[in-house]
Amino acid sequence: MTDITSRTEAALAAIAAASSLDALEAERLETLGKKGWVSLELKTLGGMSPEERTAAAPAIQSARARIAEALEAKKAALEAAALEEQLARETVDLTLPAVAAPKGSVHPVSQVMDELAEIFADLGFAVATGPEIEDDWHNFTALNMDETHPARAMHDTFYFPDKTTDGKDILLRTHTSPVQVRAMIQQGAPIRVIAPGRVYRSDSDATHTPMFHQVEGMVIDKGIHLGHLKWTLETFFKAFFEREDIVLRLRPSYFPFTEPSVEVDVGYSNEGGRRVVGGHGDAPGHAWMELGGSGMMNPRVLAAGGLDPAEWQGFAFGLGIDRIAMLKYGMNDLRAFFDGDPRWLQHYGFSPFDQPTLSAGVGARA
């Protein structure tokens, strides 16, 4: 009994002197752990006679209870002291200037889409939208590409295994031109629309991604010709790049949904290691860069949209939104658009308050 009492007092003194939670834990293992002396004393009760057990058990149980209570109290005291120390160390000085929290930003593609809408709205265009999961008829057939048309090989298409109820293939749209077909069917003519949005093709490198953004434009009216197309594109590019020295070149080309078809080139120069749009492409130090395709609406496409080609004429054009964003804001790798790197977004992103306006400049940045 005397030995248990003395060991208990020694344990209580060691617990009281513990200066850290680690030291306290060591004392707990020394006394109440599986191999602690109190636990070992409790195990000896099973080998005692009833009389011995009756005499020894109260002292051992009392030692166990006193040590457990002391451990709990000391632990609470040490934790409270640690919290006080942390609070004193991490005190916030309310007199210091506030540190601005990181702000979210508008992605350059979203900003450029707003810029497009602002410019074309001033030219009388409405914004049309359509499904990204399209059927084969709207994406190809209505655009003068039947099942055996070689132009279908120009598009690396993502097809779904299912079909529509009337047997049409289902796919991720390869361009936003199907929106033009739907707009003709729904609205008739005359009509002026742009159709910005996501499109999908199986391609990936520094200048191509499986998902990217396009804007298609369409005008249908009476007496429309290529001169109207060129004026519209020149007016747009001058407003978009915010410079008057924009020079366009239309090169003959082929697209199944337009006839005649032309590629749209713009003059540019290399300044500071990046391409800067502006100037004549044939001038010294300048060159031509392709920005998109365009042309007069093919009569078959007009007929597919429910319009009489003998009465109505129109033009259409398509531009890569990601590409013109790269040109305007100095980006050099298309893949970075979709990496989600907050550092890239912080550098190239726009403030939510940077709403494009023609009066303030569509490219104004906070």
Protein backbone atom coordinates (compact mmCIF):
# COMPACT_ATOMS: atom_id res chain seq x y z
CA MET A 1 0.00 0.00 0.00
CA THR A 2 2.81 2.35 0.95
CA ASP A 3 4.51 1.69 -2.42
CA ILE A 4 1.30 2.49 -4.40
CA THR A 5 0.78 5.68 -2.39
CA SER A 6 4.33 6.90 -2.97
CA ARG A 7 4.24 6.07 -6.67
CA THR A 8 0.91 7.85 -7.00
CA GLU A 9 2.25 11.00 -5.35
CA ALA A 10 5.31 10.90 -7.61
CA ALA A 11 3.08 10.52 -10.69
CA LEU A 12 0.86 13.44 -9.61
CA ALA A 13 3.95 15.61 -9.12
CA ALA A 14 5.30 14.67 -12.57
CA ILE A 15 1.91 15.46 -14.14
CA ALA A 16 1.79 18.85 -12.44
CA ALA A 17 5.31 19.61 -13.70
CA ALA A 18 4.59 18.61 -17.32
CA SER A 19 5.20 21.63 -19.55
CA SER A 20 3.82 20.27 -22.83
CA LEU A 21 1.20 17.91 -24.16
CA ASP A 22 3.93 15.54 -25.31
CA ALA A 23 5.39 15.36 -21.79
CA LEU A 24 1.91 14.81 -20.39
CA GLU A 25 1.28 11.99 -22.84
CA ALA A 26 4.51 10.33 -21.73
CA GLU A 27 3.27 10.42 -18.13
CA ARG A 28 -0.07 8.92 -19.17
CA LEU A 29 1.68 6.01 -20.87
CA GLU A 30 3.97 5.57 -17.83
CA THR A 31 0.99 5.22 -15.49
CA LEU A 32 -2.25 4.32 -17.31
CA GLY A 33 -0.91 2.92 -20.59
CA LYS A 34 -1.13 -0.79 -21.37
CA LYS A 35 2.31 -1.27 -19.83
CA GLY A 36 1.94 1.49 -17.22
CA TRP A 37 2.46 0.58 -13.59
CA VAL A 38 -1.18 1.24 -12.60
CA SER A 39 -2.43 -1.06 -15.37
CA LEU A 40 0.03 -3.74 -14.30
CA GLU A 41 -1.13 -3.41 -10.65
CA LEU A 42 -4.74 -3.89 -11.77
CA LYS A 43 -3.80 -7.09 -13.58
CA THR A 44 -2.39 -8.54 -10.32
CA LEU A 45 -5.84 -8.46 -8.71
CA GLY A 46 -6.90 -11.56 -10.66
CA GLY A 47 -4.26 -13.71 -8.95
CA MET A 48 -5.11 -12.60 -5.40
CA SER A 49 -7.33 -14.32 -2.89
CA PRO A 50 -10.65 -12.62 -2.13
CA GLU A 51 -9.31 -11.22 1.12
CA GLU A 52 -6.16 -9.80 -0.56
CA ARG A 53 -8.21 -8.39 -3.41
CA THR A 54 -10.56 -6.66 -1.03
CA ALA A 55 -7.62 -5.02 0.73
CA ALA A 56 -5.60 -4.05 -2.38
CA ALA A 57 -8.29 -3.08 -4.92
CA PRO A 58 -9.44 0.21 -3.30
CA ALA A 59 -5.90 1.62 -3.21
CA ILE A 60 -5.18 0.71 -6.83
CA GLN A 61 -8.56 2.03 -8.06
CA SER A 62 -8.05 5.21 -6.07
CA ALA A 63 -4.57 5.70 -7.59
CA ARG A 64 -6.01 5.16 -11.08
CA ALA A 65 -8.83 7.67 -10.53
CA ARG A 66 -6.55 10.35 -9.02
CA ILE A 67 -4.00 10.04 -11.84
CA ALA A 68 -6.71 10.08 -14.57
CA GLU A 69 -8.30 13.18 -13.04
CA ALA A 70 -4.93 14.93 -12.82
CA LEU A 71 -4.11 14.05 -16.41
CA GLU A 72 -7.42 15.46 -17.63
CA ALA A 73 -7.08 18.68 -15.68
CA LYS A 74 -3.47 19.22 -16.80
CA LYS A 75 -4.38 18.55 -20.44
CA ALA A 76 -7.16 21.14 -20.28
CA ALA A 77 -4.79 23.67 -18.73
CA LEU A 78 -2.06 23.09 -21.34
CA GLU A 79 -4.56 23.35 -24.24
CA ALA A 80 -5.99 26.57 -22.83
CA ALA A 81 -2.51 28.03 -22.47
CA ALA A 82 -1.63 27.04 -26.05
CA LEU A 83 -4.83 28.68 -27.34
CA GLU A 84 -4.08 31.87 -25.43
CA GLU A 85 -0.58 31.93 -26.87
CA GLN A 86 -1.92 31.40 -30.40
CA LEU A 87 -4.52 34.13 -30.00
CA ALA A 88 -1.88 36.53 -28.71
CA ARG A 89 0.44 35.65 -31.60
CA GLU A 90 -2.26 35.92 -34.29
CA THR A 91 -3.89 39.11 -33.12
CA VAL A 92 -5.30 41.11 -36.05
CA ASP A 93 -4.36 44.76 -36.07
CA LEU A 94 -7.57 46.42 -37.21
CA THR A 95 -5.72 49.67 -37.84
CA LEU A 96 -3.75 48.14 -40.74
CA PRO A 97 -5.04 48.63 -44.31
CA ALA A 98 -7.25 45.79 -45.54
CA VAL A 99 -5.61 43.26 -47.84
CA ALA A 100 -7.74 42.82 -50.94
CA ALA A 101 -8.99 39.29 -51.43
CA PRO A 102 -8.22 37.66 -54.79
CA LYS A 103 -10.86 38.64 -57.31
CA GLY A 104 -12.46 36.49 -59.93
CA SER A 105 -12.17 37.56 -63.54
CA VAL A 106 -14.06 37.28 -66.82
CA HIS A 107 -12.43 34.80 -69.21
CA PRO A 108 -11.08 36.42 -72.42
CA VAL A 109 -13.39 34.26 -74.55
CA SER A 110 -16.44 35.49 -72.65
CA GLN A 111 -15.19 39.06 -72.93
CA VAL A 112 -14.62 38.76 -76.68
CA MET A 113 -18.11 37.27 -77.13
CA ASP A 114 -19.51 40.36 -75.40
CA GLU A 115 -17.38 42.57 -77.64
CA LEU A 116 -18.69 40.76 -80.73
CA ALA A 117 -22.29 41.13 -79.62
CA GLU A 118 -21.82 44.84 -78.90
CA ILE A 119 -20.29 45.59 -82.30
CA PHE A 120 -22.71 43.53 -84.36
CA ALA A 121 -25.71 44.82 -82.41
CA ASP A 122 -24.72 48.29 -83.59
CA LEU A 123 -24.84 46.91 -87.15
CA GLY A 124 -28.36 45.56 -86.63
CA PHE A 125 -27.51 41.92 -85.91
CA ALA A 126 -29.32 39.81 -83.32
CA VAL A 127 -27.65 36.99 -81.38
CA ALA A 128 -29.00 33.51 -82.19
CA THR A 129 -28.29 30.33 -80.26
CA GLY A 130 -28.76 26.65 -80.93
CA PRO A 131 -28.01 23.22 -79.43
CA GLU A 132 -24.44 21.99 -79.12
CA ILE A 133 -25.67 18.41 -79.56
CA GLU A 134 -26.93 18.51 -83.12
CA ASP A 135 -28.43 16.12 -85.63
CA ASP A 136 -26.75 15.19 -88.88
CA TRP A 137 -29.29 17.06 -91.03
CA HIS A 138 -28.80 20.49 -89.47
CA ASN A 139 -25.02 20.12 -89.13
CA PHE A 140 -24.30 18.74 -92.61
CA THR A 141 -27.17 17.98 -94.97
CA ALA A 142 -28.97 21.33 -94.72
CA LEU A 143 -25.60 22.99 -95.38
CA ASN A 144 -25.24 21.24 -98.75
CA MET A 145 -23.21 18.30 -97.44
CA ASP A 146 -25.05 15.05 -98.12
CA GLU A 147 -23.91 11.68 -96.81
CA THR A 148 -21.40 11.14 -99.64
CA HIS A 149 -20.19 14.74 -99.86
CA PRO A 150 -16.36 14.92 -99.60
CA ALA A 151 -16.64 18.06 -97.45
CA ARG A 152 -17.67 15.89 -94.51
CA ALA A 153 -14.12 14.59 -94.41
CA MET A 154 -13.01 18.14 -93.61
CA HIS A 155 -14.52 17.82 -90.15
CA ASP A 156 -13.29 15.36 -87.51
CA THR A 157 -16.65 14.80 -85.92
CA PHE A 158 -17.61 13.41 -82.51
CA TYR A 159 -20.62 11.14 -83.12
CA PHE A 160 -22.94 9.66 -80.49
CA PRO A 161 -23.95 5.99 -80.72
CA ASP A 162 -27.66 6.91 -80.60
CA LYS A 163 -29.86 8.31 -83.37
CA THR A 164 -32.87 10.60 -83.45
CA THR A 165 -36.36 9.12 -83.63
CA ASP A 166 -36.37 9.62 -87.41
CA GLY A 167 -32.97 7.92 -87.86
CA LYS A 168 -30.63 10.92 -88.05
CA ASP A 169 -27.15 10.66 -86.56
CA ILE A 170 -26.47 12.67 -83.40
CA LEU A 171 -23.18 14.54 -82.96
CA LEU A 172 -21.40 17.41 -81.28
CA ARG A 173 -21.73 20.29 -83.72
CA THR A 174 -18.59 20.97 -85.74
CA HIS A 175 -19.50 24.63 -86.40
CA THR A 176 -22.23 27.09 -85.44
CA SER A 177 -23.65 27.17 -88.99
CA PRO A 178 -26.58 24.90 -87.98
CA VAL A 179 -27.84 27.85 -85.95
CA GLN A 180 -28.19 29.80 -89.19
CA VAL A 181 -30.36 27.07 -90.68
CA ARG A 182 -32.56 27.01 -87.59
CA ALA A 183 -32.81 30.83 -87.63
CA MET A 184 -33.95 30.84 -91.27
CA ILE A 185 -36.58 28.21 -90.57
CA GLN A 186 -37.86 29.96 -87.45
CA GLN A 187 -37.61 33.63 -88.49
CA GLY A 188 -37.65 33.71 -92.28
CA ALA A 189 -36.20 36.69 -94.16
CA PRO A 190 -34.95 39.38 -94.07
CA ILE A 191 -32.64 38.45 -91.23
CA ARG A 192 -29.33 39.48 -89.66
CA VAL A 193 -27.91 37.21 -86.97
CA ILE A 194 -24.64 36.16 -85.42
CA ALA A 195 -24.27 32.79 -83.72
CA PRO A 196 -21.38 32.63 -81.24
CA GLY A 197 -20.74 29.45 -79.27
CA ARG A 198 -18.76 26.29 -78.59
CA VAL A 199 -17.97 23.81 -81.35
CA TYR A 200 -16.17 20.45 -81.30
CA ARG A 201 -13.66 18.68 -83.55
CA SER A 202 -11.17 15.89 -82.88
CA ASP A 203 -7.98 17.92 -83.04
CA SER A 204 -5.44 19.12 -80.46
CA ASP A 205 -2.17 21.08 -80.63
CA ALA A 206 -0.89 24.59 -79.85
CA THR A 207 -3.41 26.15 -82.23
CA HIS A 208 -6.26 23.60 -82.10
CA THR A 209 -8.32 22.12 -79.28
CA PRO A 210 -11.14 19.53 -79.33
CA MET A 211 -13.51 22.23 -78.10
CA PHE A 212 -13.20 25.82 -79.28
CA HIS A 213 -15.37 28.85 -80.04
CA GLN A 214 -16.68 30.26 -83.30
CA VAL A 215 -18.99 33.03 -84.36
CA GLU A 216 -21.02 32.69 -87.54
CA GLY A 217 -22.70 35.66 -89.14
CA MET A 218 -25.51 35.71 -91.68
CA VAL A 219 -27.38 38.41 -93.59
CA ILE A 220 -30.30 37.56 -95.90
CA ASP A 221 -32.19 40.24 -97.78
CA LYS A 222 -32.84 41.38 -101.35
CA GLY A 223 -29.97 42.63 -103.48
CA ILE A 224 -27.19 41.39 -101.17
CA HIS A 225 -23.72 40.97 -102.76
CA LEU A 226 -20.04 40.44 -101.82
CA GLY A 227 -19.48 44.16 -101.37
CA HIS A 228 -21.86 44.11 -98.41
CA LEU A 229 -19.92 41.20 -96.95
CA LYS A 230 -16.56 42.93 -97.23
CA TRP A 231 -17.90 46.19 -95.76
CA THR A 232 -19.44 44.34 -92.82
CA LEU A 233 -16.22 42.50 -92.00
CA GLU A 234 -14.06 45.61 -92.39
CA THR A 235 -16.39 47.59 -90.13
CA PHE A 236 -16.32 44.82 -87.55
CA PHE A 237 -12.53 44.41 -87.53
CA LYS A 238 -11.96 48.17 -87.27
CA ALA A 239 -14.22 48.32 -84.21
CA PHE A 240 -12.88 45.09 -82.69
CA PHE A 241 -9.17 45.89 -83.04
CA GLU A 242 -9.86 49.60 -82.45
CA ARG A 243 -7.82 50.88 -85.38
CA GLU A 244 -8.73 52.33 -88.76
CA ASP A 245 -5.87 50.90 -90.83
CA ILE A 246 -7.52 47.49 -91.23
CA VAL A 247 -7.10 46.09 -94.73
CA LEU A 248 -8.89 42.90 -95.79
CA ARG A 249 -8.18 40.62 -98.70
CA LEU A 250 -10.79 38.15 -99.98
CA ARG A 251 -9.28 35.04 -101.63
CA PRO A 252 -11.37 32.60 -103.70
CA SER A 253 -11.93 29.37 -101.82
CA TYR A 254 -14.46 26.56 -101.46
CA PHE A 255 -17.10 25.91 -98.81
CA PRO A 256 -20.12 23.73 -99.58
CA PHE A 257 -22.56 26.16 -97.95
CA THR A 258 -21.47 29.30 -99.84
CA GLU A 259 -21.04 30.08 -103.56
CA PRO A 260 -18.90 31.97 -104.35
CA SER A 261 -16.70 31.34 -101.30
CA VAL A 262 -13.80 33.48 -100.08
CA GLU A 263 -11.16 33.26 -97.37
CA VAL A 264 -10.79 36.43 -95.31
CA ASP A 265 -7.20 37.63 -94.82
CA VAL A 266 -6.14 40.65 -92.79
CA GLY A 267 -2.91 42.63 -93.00
CA TYR A 268 -0.59 42.44 -89.98
CA SER A 269 2.94 43.20 -88.83
CA ASN A 270 5.25 41.70 -86.20
CA GLU A 271 5.81 44.12 -83.34
CA GLY A 272 7.66 43.19 -80.16
CA GLY A 273 7.55 39.49 -80.96
CA ARG A 274 3.78 39.34 -81.53
CA ARG A 275 1.45 39.74 -84.47
CA VAL A 276 -0.34 43.08 -84.57
CA VAL A 277 -3.31 43.44 -86.90
CA GLY A 278 -3.25 46.54 -89.08
CA GLY A 279 -1.74 47.88 -92.26
CA HIS A 280 -1.60 46.53 -95.78
CA GLY A 281 -0.43 42.94 -96.11
CA ASP A 282 1.64 43.74 -99.21
CA ALA A 283 3.47 46.67 -97.57
CA PRO A 284 7.12 46.24 -96.43
CA GLY A 285 7.27 44.45 -93.07
CA HIS A 286 3.66 43.31 -93.34
CA ALA A 287 1.98 40.06 -94.35
CA TRP A 288 -1.45 38.51 -94.72
CA MET A 289 -3.08 36.28 -92.11
CA GLU A 290 -6.21 34.18 -92.59
CA LEU A 291 -8.94 34.89 -90.06
CA GLY A 292 -11.97 33.03 -91.38
CA GLY A 293 -14.13 31.90 -94.25
CA SER A 294 -17.12 33.55 -95.90
CA GLY A 295 -19.16 33.81 -99.06
CA MET A 296 -22.59 34.18 -100.59
CA MET A 297 -25.22 31.78 -99.32
CA ASN A 298 -25.55 28.71 -101.52
CA PRO A 299 -29.08 28.56 -103.04
CA ARG A 300 -29.46 25.00 -101.70
CA VAL A 301 -28.84 26.24 -98.15
CA LEU A 302 -31.43 28.99 -98.59
CA ALA A 303 -33.92 26.39 -99.84
CA ALA A 304 -33.15 24.11 -96.85
CA GLY A 305 -33.96 27.09 -94.60
CA GLY A 306 -37.37 27.48 -96.27
CA LEU A 307 -36.45 30.54 -98.40
CA ASP A 308 -36.83 31.07 -102.14
CA PRO A 309 -33.33 31.55 -103.66
CA ALA A 310 -34.87 33.44 -106.56
CA GLU A 311 -36.18 36.09 -104.17
CA TRP A 312 -33.58 36.22 -101.40
CA GLN A 313 -29.80 36.52 -101.39
CA GLY A 314 -27.41 36.53 -98.46
CA PHE A 315 -23.89 36.17 -97.20
CA ALA A 316 -22.37 34.24 -94.30
CA PHE A 317 -19.01 34.27 -92.53
CA GLY A 318 -17.28 32.34 -89.78
CA LEU A 319 -14.52 33.47 -87.42
CA GLY A 320 -12.61 31.70 -84.67
CA ILE A 321 -13.30 33.58 -81.43
CA ASP A 322 -10.28 32.10 -79.65
CA ARG A 323 -8.03 33.08 -82.54
CA ILE A 324 -9.07 36.73 -82.72
CA ALA A 325 -8.85 36.91 -78.92
CA MET A 326 -5.25 35.67 -79.13
CA LEU A 327 -4.46 38.30 -81.76
CA LYS A 328 -6.02 41.17 -79.88
CA TYR A 329 -4.70 40.40 -76.40
CA GLY A 330 -1.31 38.88 -77.18
CA MET A 331 -1.73 35.20 -76.24
CA ASN A 332 0.43 32.62 -78.00
CA ASP A 333 -0.95 29.20 -77.00
CA LEU A 334 -4.59 28.22 -77.47
CA ARG A 335 -4.33 25.38 -74.93
CA ALA A 336 -3.85 27.88 -72.09
CA PHE A 337 -7.43 29.04 -72.68
CA PHE A 338 -8.70 25.78 -71.20
CA ASP A 339 -6.06 24.93 -68.56
CA GLY A 340 -7.82 26.84 -65.76
CA ASP A 341 -4.51 28.25 -64.48
CA PRO A 342 -5.45 31.08 -62.06
CA ARG A 343 -2.19 32.90 -62.87
CA TRP A 344 -3.10 33.01 -66.58
CA LEU A 345 -6.63 34.12 -65.75
CA GLN A 346 -5.35 36.80 -63.40
CA HIS A 347 -3.08 38.16 -66.14
CA TYR A 348 -5.46 37.96 -69.11
CA GLY A 349 -8.83 38.04 -67.36
CA PHE A 350 -11.14 41.04 -67.32
CA SER A 351 -12.91 42.81 -64.50
CA PRO A 352 -16.67 42.14 -64.37
CA PHE A 353 -17.04 45.91 -64.65
CA ASP A 354 -15.22 45.97 -68.02
CA GLN A 355 -18.41 45.92 -70.04
CA PRO A 356 -17.61 46.47 -73.74
CA THR A 357 -19.17 49.62 -75.19
CA LEU A 358 -18.55 51.28 -78.51
CA SER A 359 -18.34 54.69 -76.86
CA ALA A 360 -15.72 53.66 -74.26
CA GLY A 361 -13.90 51.18 -76.49
CA VAL A 362 -14.78 47.52 -76.68
CA GLY A 363 -11.31 46.55 -75.51
CA ALA A 364 -11.17 48.86 -72.47
CA ARG A 365 -9.66 47.13 -69.42
CA ALA A 366 -9.76 48.08 -65.74
